[in-house]
Amino acid sequence: WAYLLHNATENGVTARVTAAWLQAWQLSRPPEEAVQAEPVGGIVPAAAVVPQANCMFCLNMFRCDALNYMGVCGQCLADFQQARTKRKAEEDRSS
């Protein structure tokens, strides 16, 4: 306990933070009571949410776990997106 207090004061803990820690500790349940408590009810989602994103090249929607990581800086990404938009506009005009 003294070790934790020493480290906290050495690293600049404030009185406000210490009071918050003390209050949280006083309000916490003993481990036995916490283990025996029933789970809090919540809203069950109708279906699992699957994260999705567009492919940078074909713009089709895919699950995120089906996409590959491609390290691209912000400027190159912006240049690519601008070129893609320009090319799509040209294709739309020619068809």
Protein backbone atom coordinates (compact mmCIF):
# COMPACT_ATOMS: atom_id res chain seq x y z
CA TRP A 1 0.00 0.00 0.00
CA ALA A 2 2.80 2.41 0.93
CA TYR A 3 4.54 1.54 -2.35
CA LEU A 4 1.48 2.58 -4.37
CA LEU A 5 1.10 5.81 -2.40
CA HIS A 6 4.79 6.62 -2.87
CA ASN A 7 4.59 6.08 -6.65
CA ALA A 8 1.42 8.14 -6.90
CA THR A 9 2.98 11.11 -5.12
CA GLU A 10 6.22 10.80 -7.08
CA ASN A 11 4.26 10.93 -10.35
CA GLY A 12 2.26 14.01 -9.43
CA VAL A 13 -1.07 12.71 -8.17
CA THR A 14 -3.45 15.50 -7.11
CA ALA A 15 -5.81 15.73 -4.15
CA ARG A 16 -8.79 15.55 -6.52
CA VAL A 17 -7.57 12.32 -8.10
CA THR A 18 -6.83 10.83 -4.69
CA ALA A 19 -10.32 11.73 -3.46
CA ALA A 20 -11.83 10.11 -6.57
CA TRP A 21 -9.81 6.93 -5.98
CA LEU A 22 -10.91 6.81 -2.36
CA GLN A 23 -14.56 7.35 -3.27
CA ALA A 24 -14.44 4.65 -5.96
CA TRP A 25 -12.84 2.21 -3.52
CA GLN A 26 -15.44 2.96 -0.83
CA LEU A 27 -18.31 2.44 -3.29
CA SER A 28 -16.89 -0.75 -4.78
CA ARG A 29 -18.46 -4.06 -3.85
CA PRO A 30 -16.53 -6.77 -2.07
CA PRO A 31 -15.38 -9.49 -4.51
CA GLU A 32 -17.79 -12.08 -3.07
CA GLU A 33 -20.79 -9.81 -3.60
CA ALA A 34 -19.70 -8.80 -7.09
CA VAL A 35 -19.33 -12.44 -8.20
CA GLN A 36 -22.80 -13.38 -6.90
CA ALA A 37 -24.58 -10.38 -8.46
CA GLU A 38 -26.90 -11.02 -11.40
CA PRO A 39 -25.88 -9.52 -14.74
CA VAL A 40 -27.47 -6.22 -15.64
CA GLY A 41 -30.06 -6.56 -18.39
CA GLY A 42 -29.51 -4.76 -21.65
CA ILE A 43 -30.80 -4.46 -25.16
CA VAL A 44 -30.02 -7.48 -27.30
CA PRO A 45 -29.29 -6.47 -30.90
CA ALA A 46 -31.54 -8.06 -33.51
CA ALA A 47 -28.51 -9.13 -35.56
CA ALA A 48 -24.78 -9.02 -35.12
CA VAL A 49 -23.19 -5.90 -36.54
CA VAL A 50 -20.45 -6.73 -39.04
CA PRO A 51 -17.99 -3.92 -39.76
CA GLN A 52 -17.76 -3.17 -43.46
CA ALA A 53 -15.83 -0.78 -45.68
CA ASN A 54 -15.45 0.00 -49.36
CA CYS A 55 -12.55 -1.36 -51.39
CA MET A 56 -10.35 1.56 -52.47
CA PHE A 57 -10.19 0.29 -56.05
CA CYS A 58 -13.54 -1.22 -57.03
CA LEU A 59 -15.60 0.66 -54.39
CA ASN A 60 -17.61 -2.50 -53.59
CA MET A 61 -18.56 -3.10 -49.96
CA PHE A 62 -16.72 -5.88 -48.12
CA ARG A 63 -16.42 -7.14 -44.56
CA CYS A 64 -13.40 -5.51 -42.91
CA ASP A 65 -11.82 -8.90 -42.27
CA ALA A 66 -11.89 -9.57 -46.04
CA LEU A 67 -9.97 -6.37 -46.87
CA ASN A 68 -6.18 -6.20 -46.92
CA TYR A 69 -4.13 -3.51 -45.23
CA MET A 70 -2.30 -1.17 -47.58
CA GLY A 71 0.01 1.41 -46.03
CA VAL A 72 -0.64 4.64 -47.92
CA CYS A 73 0.19 8.17 -46.81
CA GLY A 74 -2.58 10.78 -46.77
CA GLN A 75 -1.28 12.70 -49.80
CA CYS A 76 -1.00 9.59 -52.01
CA LEU A 77 -4.47 8.50 -50.91
CA ALA A 78 -5.91 11.90 -51.83
CA ASP A 79 -4.12 11.81 -55.22
CA PHE A 80 -5.46 8.31 -55.90
CA GLN A 81 -9.02 9.25 -54.97
CA GLN A 82 -8.86 12.34 -57.18
CA ALA A 83 -7.54 10.31 -60.14
CA ARG A 84 -10.22 7.65 -59.60
CA THR A 85 -12.98 10.27 -59.54
CA LYS A 86 -11.60 11.91 -62.70
CA ARG A 87 -11.35 8.56 -64.52
CA LYS A 88 -14.90 7.57 -63.49
CA ALA A 89 -16.24 10.90 -64.78
CA GLU A 90 -14.45 10.37 -68.12
CA GLU A 91 -15.85 6.83 -68.41
CA ASP A 92 -19.36 8.10 -67.68
CA ARG A 93 -19.04 10.78 -70.40
CA SER A 94 -17.79 8.30 -73.01
CA SER A 95 -20.56 5.76 -72.43
